[in-house]
């Protein structure tokens, strides 16, 4: 009888892990703290960092491996930051406080782009793989930021997003009387050129992939569908003791911040309302609704598919060239391209809710903005046999407006 009890105790953990069949590495329980309080702010939460070892022997930094202490990675400028006392009344005042030394040069002959960002909690921004700005406050108090850089269009924005945690390795914090409350994320950003024109904003046309999901009480709840890492069936309820819960970890591709990284298979970003993210009482956001909630070009809060359980996310978006005077719409779910990447041909599929008669023409441009193909008849199959390898934009004219998606020719 004693031998039987011992046997059950030994195999129980392995039975739990075997219920998970996805591609992530599984860890369980609290991480070991390796760095304490990266940043202190009155009324802010503790920003510790830890390491945890997964069941497959791999080691993971939680909540994420960041560049916060890397002095070569520039900090963002303040839009609103109560931690250091720079709380500007409006964006114009925040810009006026800058002397130009904050502008990071990606292309010497480029134009100055200004990005306004509110992130819950932490961001690092790359333009064409170049480090241009990181959040000054990794956790709380909540702040908002300005990042300026000089670049030529087209260019790719990549952002590393982290929802910090107090229970390291378990994606949770003390909140609402619960020691294991699941925190949530969310990021909104708007990009303007030197003439104050909006050239990009966060919406569901961005790509978003998650690399750390926790806490997970039951390993049977997460699933995968292609590159979608789904956890909507997992509980987000507060618990009194979640110290034995699980986490899933995925390795970020080494070049995922670069211009030429192929993100075509990544899921599109999920969009969340202000109320869902919970920003309606945060002056770092509400003082600047003219920026983030622009009347004609409202930027959306974006994240991966699970705002609460996904704690480390990378988002990407390519701002197209202005050459050719093609005005892009923001509804990039108008049509689908397959296969993508491809080497010989593509097929276009107009989503069912749109009228095919309004589907006028297709233009493909290279990343210099040069038109390389125009098609006004057959949209079902387009040959790319004479195309050089590289990144292109497929632009579909629908109801007298163009909509675009990135295409990779390999």
Protein backbone atom coordinates (compact mmCIF):
# COMPACT_ATOMS: atom_id res chain seq x y z
CA UNK A 1 0.00 0.00 0.00
CA UNK A 2 2.85 2.38 0.82
CA UNK A 3 4.59 1.59 -2.46
CA UNK A 4 1.40 2.41 -4.39
CA UNK A 5 1.05 5.85 -2.76
CA UNK A 6 4.68 6.71 -3.50
CA UNK A 7 4.23 5.66 -7.12
CA UNK A 8 1.20 7.94 -7.56
CA UNK A 9 3.03 10.91 -6.09
CA UNK A 10 5.88 10.43 -8.51
CA UNK A 11 3.81 10.23 -11.67
CA UNK A 12 1.21 12.92 -10.93
CA UNK A 13 3.28 15.92 -12.19
CA UNK A 14 4.15 14.14 -15.43
CA UNK A 15 0.53 13.29 -16.07
CA UNK A 16 -0.28 16.99 -15.72
CA UNK A 17 2.38 18.04 -18.24
CA UNK A 18 1.38 15.33 -20.73
CA UNK A 19 -2.07 16.92 -21.01
CA UNK A 20 -0.48 19.84 -22.89
CA UNK A 21 0.30 19.13 -26.54
CA UNK A 22 1.35 22.56 -27.84
CA UNK A 23 4.72 23.96 -28.89
CA UNK A 24 5.46 26.00 -25.74
CA UNK A 25 7.82 25.06 -22.93
CA UNK A 26 5.94 24.38 -19.68
CA UNK A 27 7.03 25.70 -16.30
CA UNK A 28 5.28 25.41 -12.95
CA UNK A 29 5.32 27.54 -9.85
CA UNK A 30 7.26 30.64 -8.86
CA UNK A 31 10.48 31.73 -10.52
CA UNK A 32 13.70 32.49 -8.68
CA UNK A 33 14.20 36.24 -8.33
CA UNK A 34 17.47 37.37 -9.94
CA UNK A 35 17.05 41.16 -10.01
CA UNK A 36 15.16 43.25 -7.50
CA UNK A 37 13.34 46.48 -8.17
CA UNK A 38 14.67 47.65 -11.54
CA UNK A 39 12.85 50.94 -11.05
CA UNK A 40 11.32 52.70 -8.06
CA UNK A 41 8.38 55.11 -8.19
CA UNK A 42 6.33 56.41 -5.29
CA UNK A 43 3.13 54.39 -5.27
CA UNK A 44 4.49 52.07 -7.95
CA UNK A 45 4.75 48.31 -7.90
CA UNK A 46 7.95 46.35 -7.43
CA UNK A 47 9.70 45.58 -10.72
CA UNK A 48 11.57 42.36 -10.05
CA UNK A 49 12.95 39.95 -12.65
CA UNK A 50 13.36 36.20 -12.28
CA UNK A 51 14.37 32.98 -13.96
CA UNK A 52 12.44 29.73 -14.13
CA UNK A 53 13.35 26.34 -15.58
CA UNK A 54 10.78 24.53 -17.71
CA UNK A 55 10.11 20.80 -17.64
CA UNK A 56 12.22 20.37 -20.80
CA UNK A 57 15.23 21.93 -19.09
CA UNK A 58 15.04 25.28 -20.86
CA UNK A 59 15.56 28.43 -18.80
CA UNK A 60 13.31 31.50 -19.12
CA UNK A 61 13.55 35.08 -17.88
CA UNK A 62 10.24 36.35 -16.48
CA UNK A 63 8.29 38.44 -17.10
CA UNK A 64 10.66 38.89 -20.07
CA UNK A 65 14.23 39.55 -21.03
CA UNK A 66 14.29 43.31 -21.65
CA UNK A 67 16.73 46.12 -22.40
CA UNK A 68 15.60 48.29 -19.51
CA UNK A 69 19.09 48.35 -17.94
CA UNK A 70 20.88 48.49 -21.32
CA UNK A 71 22.32 52.01 -21.52
CA UNK A 72 22.77 51.75 -25.30
CA UNK A 73 19.01 51.44 -25.81
CA UNK A 74 17.56 54.98 -25.63
CA UNK A 75 14.74 55.85 -23.26
CA UNK A 76 11.59 57.43 -24.64
CA UNK A 77 10.68 61.03 -23.89
CA UNK A 78 7.84 61.92 -21.53
CA UNK A 79 4.30 62.67 -22.55
CA UNK A 80 3.02 62.10 -19.02
CA UNK A 81 5.15 60.64 -16.24
CA UNK A 82 4.21 61.18 -12.61
CA UNK A 83 7.23 59.18 -11.46
CA UNK A 84 9.71 61.85 -12.55
CA UNK A 85 7.29 64.79 -12.38
CA UNK A 86 7.04 65.47 -16.12
CA UNK A 87 3.28 65.60 -16.59
CA UNK A 88 2.56 67.73 -19.65
CA UNK A 89 -0.85 69.26 -20.20
CA UNK A 90 -0.88 68.39 -23.90
CA UNK A 91 1.26 66.89 -26.66
CA UNK A 92 2.37 70.32 -27.93
CA UNK A 93 3.88 71.17 -24.54
CA UNK A 94 5.67 67.81 -24.37
CA UNK A 95 7.15 68.29 -27.86
CA UNK A 96 8.19 71.87 -27.05
CA UNK A 97 10.24 70.55 -24.12
CA UNK A 98 12.44 68.51 -26.50
CA UNK A 99 15.59 69.97 -28.08
CA UNK A 100 16.08 67.44 -30.89
CA UNK A 101 18.72 65.34 -29.16
CA UNK A 102 16.05 62.69 -28.60
CA UNK A 103 15.68 61.97 -32.35
CA UNK A 104 17.23 58.63 -33.30
CA UNK A 105 18.57 58.47 -36.85
CA UNK A 106 17.66 55.33 -38.78
CA UNK A 107 18.16 56.93 -42.23
CA UNK A 108 20.20 60.14 -42.43
CA UNK A 109 18.10 61.35 -45.38
CA UNK A 110 14.79 60.33 -43.81
CA UNK A 111 11.93 62.33 -42.32
CA UNK A 112 11.28 62.85 -38.61
CA UNK A 113 8.42 60.68 -37.34
CA UNK A 114 6.84 61.21 -33.92
CA UNK A 115 5.27 58.29 -32.09
CA UNK A 116 2.93 58.67 -29.11
CA UNK A 117 2.60 55.54 -26.97
CA UNK A 118 0.62 54.38 -23.96
CA UNK A 119 1.59 50.87 -22.87
CA UNK A 120 0.34 48.64 -20.07
CA UNK A 121 2.95 48.07 -18.90
CA UNK A 122 6.27 48.27 -20.82
CA UNK A 123 7.43 48.68 -24.42
CA UNK A 124 10.58 48.69 -26.50
CA UNK A 125 10.33 50.11 -30.03
CA UNK A 126 12.44 49.18 -33.04
CA UNK A 127 12.35 50.79 -36.48
CA UNK A 128 13.81 48.55 -39.19
CA UNK A 129 15.55 46.69 -36.36
CA UNK A 130 17.11 49.87 -34.90
CA UNK A 131 16.47 50.58 -31.20
CA UNK A 132 14.66 53.94 -31.04
CA UNK A 133 12.95 54.11 -27.65
CA UNK A 134 11.98 52.18 -24.52
CA UNK A 135 9.53 52.87 -21.73
CA UNK A 136 10.86 54.86 -18.76
CA UNK A 137 8.52 53.12 -16.30
CA UNK A 138 8.45 49.30 -16.59
CA UNK A 139 5.44 48.75 -14.33
CA UNK A 140 3.57 51.59 -12.54
CA UNK A 141 2.65 54.38 -12.14
CA UNK A 142 1.11 54.43 -15.60
CA UNK A 143 2.88 56.77 -18.00
CA UNK A 144 2.75 57.72 -21.68
CA UNK A 145 5.66 58.38 -23.99
CA UNK A 146 7.02 60.09 -27.10
CA UNK A 147 9.57 58.49 -29.43
CA UNK A 148 11.03 60.41 -32.36
CA UNK A 149 13.15 58.97 -35.16
CA UNK A 150 14.35 59.86 -38.65
CA UNK A 151 13.61 57.26 -41.32
CA UNK A 152 12.69 56.83 -44.97
CA UNK A 153 9.42 55.20 -45.93
CA UNK A 154 8.64 52.38 -46.16
CA UNK A 155 9.71 51.29 -42.69
CA UNK A 156 8.72 48.58 -40.23
CA UNK A 157 7.67 49.23 -36.65
CA UNK A 158 8.31 46.39 -34.21
CA UNK A 159 7.48 46.64 -30.53
CA UNK A 160 8.32 44.33 -27.66
CA UNK A 161 5.48 44.55 -25.13
CA UNK A 162 5.55 43.25 -21.55
CA UNK A 163 2.82 43.05 -18.93
CA UNK A 164 4.86 43.05 -15.71
CA UNK A 165 4.05 40.74 -12.78
CA UNK A 166 4.60 40.51 -9.04
CA UNK A 167 4.37 36.71 -8.79
CA UNK A 168 7.31 35.98 -11.09
CA UNK A 169 6.66 33.10 -13.46
CA UNK A 170 2.94 33.14 -12.70
CA UNK A 171 1.70 36.22 -14.57
CA UNK A 172 -0.19 37.55 -11.55
CA UNK A 173 -0.18 40.27 -8.93
CA UNK A 174 -1.74 41.39 -5.66
CA UNK A 175 -4.96 43.17 -6.58
CA UNK A 176 -8.50 43.46 -5.29
CA UNK A 177 -7.72 41.44 -2.18
CA UNK A 178 -6.35 38.51 -4.18
CA UNK A 179 -2.67 37.58 -4.03
CA UNK A 180 -2.97 35.92 -7.46
CA UNK A 181 -4.90 38.36 -9.63
CA UNK A 182 -4.30 38.03 -13.38
CA UNK A 183 -3.11 41.39 -14.72
CA UNK A 184 -3.85 42.62 -18.22
CA UNK A 185 -1.91 44.32 -21.01
CA UNK A 186 -2.71 46.64 -23.90
CA UNK A 187 -0.83 49.16 -26.04
CA UNK A 188 -1.99 52.09 -28.16
CA UNK A 189 0.23 54.15 -30.47
CA UNK A 190 -0.10 56.89 -33.07
CA UNK A 191 2.58 57.98 -35.57
CA UNK A 192 2.77 61.42 -37.22
CA UNK A 193 5.05 62.90 -39.87
CA UNK A 194 6.71 66.33 -39.72
CA UNK A 195 3.55 67.94 -41.15
CA UNK A 196 1.51 66.48 -38.28
CA UNK A 197 -0.26 64.01 -40.59
CA UNK A 198 -1.16 60.62 -39.13
CA UNK A 199 0.76 57.97 -41.08
CA UNK A 200 0.11 54.94 -38.86
CA UNK A 201 -1.94 53.90 -35.85
CA UNK A 202 -2.49 50.71 -33.92
CA UNK A 203 -5.38 48.61 -35.23
CA UNK A 204 -6.14 45.04 -36.30
CA UNK A 205 -3.90 45.29 -39.38
CA UNK A 206 -0.84 44.99 -37.12
CA UNK A 207 0.66 41.56 -36.45
CA UNK A 208 0.84 40.29 -32.88
CA UNK A 209 2.40 37.12 -31.47
CA UNK A 210 2.56 36.01 -27.84
CA UNK A 211 5.64 34.43 -26.23
CA UNK A 212 4.64 34.00 -22.58
CA UNK A 213 1.24 32.92 -21.25
CA UNK A 214 0.44 32.59 -17.54
CA UNK A 215 -1.13 31.76 -15.13
CA UNK A 216 -2.64 28.51 -16.36
CA UNK A 217 -4.46 26.41 -13.80
CA UNK A 218 -5.28 23.56 -16.19
CA UNK A 219 -2.89 22.51 -18.96
CA UNK A 220 -5.74 21.11 -21.05
CA UNK A 221 -7.16 24.59 -21.69
CA UNK A 222 -4.54 26.18 -24.03
CA UNK A 223 -4.69 25.21 -27.70
CA UNK A 224 -2.93 26.13 -30.93
CA UNK A 225 -4.23 26.69 -34.43
CA UNK A 226 -1.36 27.29 -36.82
CA UNK A 227 0.54 30.20 -35.28
CA UNK A 228 -2.41 31.17 -33.06
CA UNK A 229 -1.59 30.47 -29.41
CA UNK A 230 -5.00 30.40 -27.79
CA UNK A 231 -5.94 30.48 -24.12
CA UNK A 232 -9.52 31.79 -24.18
CA UNK A 233 -10.70 28.56 -22.55
CA UNK A 234 -8.40 29.12 -19.57
CA UNK A 235 -9.65 30.63 -16.32
CA UNK A 236 -8.74 34.20 -15.39
CA UNK A 237 -10.43 34.09 -11.99
CA UNK A 238 -8.70 35.44 -8.89
CA UNK A 239 -7.50 32.74 -6.49
CA UNK A 240 -6.10 32.80 -2.97
CA UNK A 241 -3.21 30.51 -3.91
CA UNK A 242 -1.97 30.07 -7.48
CA UNK A 243 1.61 29.23 -6.56
CA UNK A 244 1.38 25.83 -8.28
CA UNK A 245 -0.04 27.11 -11.58
CA UNK A 246 1.68 26.71 -14.94
CA UNK A 247 3.15 28.97 -17.61
CA UNK A 248 3.92 28.55 -21.30
CA UNK A 249 7.02 30.04 -22.93
CA UNK A 250 8.05 30.40 -26.57
CA UNK A 251 11.39 31.62 -27.94
CA UNK A 252 11.26 34.91 -29.83
CA UNK A 253 12.85 34.67 -33.31
CA UNK A 254 16.24 36.37 -33.19
CA UNK A 255 15.36 38.71 -36.07
CA UNK A 256 11.72 39.42 -35.21
CA UNK A 257 12.37 43.16 -34.88
CA UNK A 258 14.06 43.48 -38.29
CA UNK A 259 12.59 45.03 -41.43
CA UNK A 260 12.87 41.84 -43.50
CA UNK A 261 11.44 39.46 -40.90
CA UNK A 262 8.56 37.47 -42.40
CA UNK A 263 5.57 38.06 -40.12
CA UNK A 264 2.97 37.00 -42.70
CA UNK A 265 2.06 33.84 -40.76
CA UNK A 266 1.63 35.69 -37.47
CA UNK A 267 -1.91 36.40 -36.27
CA UNK A 268 -3.35 39.85 -36.70
CA UNK A 269 -3.54 41.92 -33.53
CA UNK A 270 -6.68 41.74 -31.44
CA UNK A 271 -8.39 45.05 -30.68
CA UNK A 272 -9.71 46.03 -27.24
CA UNK A 273 -11.87 48.90 -25.99
CA UNK A 274 -10.70 51.56 -23.53
CA UNK A 275 -13.06 50.11 -20.92
CA UNK A 276 -11.65 46.60 -21.33
CA UNK A 277 -8.07 47.82 -20.93
CA UNK A 278 -9.18 50.02 -18.03
CA UNK A 279 -7.67 53.39 -18.95
CA UNK A 280 -10.60 55.71 -18.34
CA UNK A 281 -9.17 56.78 -14.96
CA UNK A 282 -5.53 57.09 -16.04
CA UNK A 283 -4.46 60.68 -16.85
CA UNK A 284 -1.47 59.40 -18.87
CA UNK A 285 -4.15 58.39 -21.37
CA UNK A 286 -7.20 60.54 -20.71
CA UNK A 287 -5.22 63.82 -20.86
CA UNK A 288 -4.32 63.01 -24.47
CA UNK A 289 -7.49 61.70 -26.04
CA UNK A 290 -6.93 64.16 -28.92
CA UNK A 291 -3.90 62.00 -29.76
CA UNK A 292 -4.98 58.46 -28.87
CA UNK A 293 -8.74 58.92 -29.49
CA UNK A 294 -8.40 61.09 -32.58
CA UNK A 295 -11.88 61.88 -33.94
CA UNK A 296 -11.07 60.94 -37.54
CA UNK A 297 -8.28 58.38 -37.00
CA UNK A 298 -8.86 56.70 -33.66
CA UNK A 299 -6.02 54.43 -32.62
CA UNK A 300 -7.05 51.10 -31.07
CA UNK A 301 -5.63 49.30 -28.07
CA UNK A 302 -4.02 46.14 -29.43
CA UNK A 303 -2.55 42.95 -27.94
CA UNK A 304 -2.49 39.27 -28.75
CA UNK A 305 -5.61 37.11 -28.53
CA UNK A 306 -5.65 37.10 -24.71
CA UNK A 307 -5.30 40.51 -23.05
CA UNK A 308 -5.17 38.97 -19.58
CA UNK A 309 -3.07 35.81 -19.79
CA UNK A 310 -0.56 36.75 -22.49
CA UNK A 311 2.28 38.64 -20.81
CA UNK A 312 4.94 39.04 -23.50
CA UNK A 313 3.92 40.07 -27.02
CA UNK A 314 5.69 41.33 -30.14
CA UNK A 315 3.71 43.50 -32.57
CA UNK A 316 4.75 44.60 -36.06
CA UNK A 317 3.51 46.91 -38.80
CA UNK A 318 5.03 48.20 -42.07
CA UNK A 319 4.36 51.81 -43.02
CA UNK A 320 4.24 51.87 -46.86
CA UNK A 321 6.01 54.29 -49.17
CA UNK A 322 4.22 57.46 -50.22
CA UNK A 323 5.53 57.06 -53.80
CA UNK A 324 2.76 56.50 -56.32
CA UNK A 325 0.20 58.55 -54.38
CA UNK A 326 -1.80 55.48 -53.35
CA UNK A 327 -4.06 56.25 -50.42
CA UNK A 328 -4.34 53.22 -48.15
CA UNK A 329 -7.38 52.36 -46.09
CA UNK A 330 -7.09 50.75 -42.68
CA UNK A 331 -9.49 47.82 -43.16
CA UNK A 332 -6.86 45.23 -44.10
CA UNK A 333 -9.26 42.32 -43.56
CA UNK A 334 -10.92 43.13 -46.91
CA UNK A 335 -9.10 40.31 -48.70
CA UNK A 336 -6.79 37.36 -48.17
CA UNK A 337 -3.59 36.39 -50.00
CA UNK A 338 -2.47 32.79 -50.31
CA UNK A 339 0.07 31.33 -50.32
CA UNK A 340 2.11 33.95 -48.53
CA UNK A 341 5.13 33.70 -48.62
CA UNK A 342 5.23 32.41 -52.19
CA UNK A 343 7.66 31.93 -55.05
CA UNK A 344 5.51 31.73 -58.17
CA UNK A 345 1.90 32.90 -57.83
CA UNK A 346 -0.74 34.21 -55.44
CA UNK A 347 -4.50 33.87 -55.18
CA UNK A 348 -6.70 36.64 -53.84
CA UNK A 349 -9.87 35.95 -51.96
CA UNK A 350 -12.32 38.76 -51.19
CA UNK A 351 -13.98 38.25 -47.81
CA UNK A 352 -17.61 37.25 -48.13
CA UNK A 353 -19.15 40.33 -46.54
CA UNK A 354 -17.85 42.53 -49.38
CA UNK A 355 -19.42 42.90 -52.85
CA UNK A 356 -17.27 41.36 -55.58
CA UNK A 357 -18.54 43.86 -58.15
CA UNK A 358 -16.80 46.63 -56.20
CA UNK A 359 -13.47 44.78 -56.43
CA UNK A 360 -11.85 46.98 -59.13
CA UNK A 361 -8.14 46.28 -59.54
CA UNK A 362 -4.95 44.99 -57.94
CA UNK A 363 -1.63 46.83 -57.85
CA UNK A 364 1.60 45.36 -56.48
CA UNK A 365 4.40 47.71 -55.50
CA UNK A 366 7.89 47.03 -54.22
CA UNK A 367 9.13 48.56 -50.99
CA UNK A 368 10.46 51.58 -52.88
CA UNK A 369 6.87 52.35 -53.80
CA UNK A 370 7.42 51.43 -57.47
CA UNK A 371 4.52 49.76 -59.27
CA UNK A 372 5.60 46.33 -60.55
CA UNK A 373 2.22 44.88 -61.55
CA UNK A 374 -1.29 46.10 -62.30
CA UNK A 375 -4.22 43.78 -62.85
CA UNK A 376 -7.82 44.74 -63.66
CA UNK A 377 -9.31 41.44 -64.79
CA UNK A 378 -8.25 38.13 -63.29
CA UNK A 379 -7.87 38.42 -59.51
CA UNK A 380 -8.06 34.71 -58.71
CA UNK A 381 -4.49 33.88 -59.78
CA UNK A 382 -1.63 36.32 -60.30
CA UNK A 383 1.75 35.10 -61.59
CA UNK A 384 4.87 36.33 -59.82
CA UNK A 385 7.45 34.33 -61.80
CA UNK A 386 9.40 37.44 -62.87
CA UNK A 387 9.47 38.95 -59.39
CA UNK A 388 12.70 39.33 -57.42
CA UNK A 389 12.78 37.92 -53.92
CA UNK A 390 11.70 40.44 -51.31
CA UNK A 391 8.85 42.28 -49.63
CA UNK A 392 5.97 43.82 -51.63
CA UNK A 393 2.65 45.48 -50.90
CA UNK A 394 -0.48 44.12 -52.58
CA UNK A 395 -3.00 46.95 -52.96
CA UNK A 396 -6.60 46.13 -53.78
CA UNK A 397 -8.94 48.84 -55.05
CA UNK A 398 -12.36 48.38 -53.56
CA UNK A 399 -15.12 50.95 -53.99
CA UNK A 400 -12.59 53.59 -55.13
CA UNK A 401 -10.26 53.15 -52.17
CA UNK A 402 -7.06 51.09 -51.87
CA UNK A 403 -6.40 48.54 -49.12
CA UNK A 404 -3.05 46.83 -48.68
CA UNK A 405 -1.35 43.76 -47.28
CA UNK A 406 2.28 42.72 -47.16
CA UNK A 407 3.49 39.99 -49.55
CA UNK A 408 6.72 37.98 -49.22
CA UNK A 409 8.26 36.57 -52.42
CA UNK A 410 10.89 33.96 -51.62
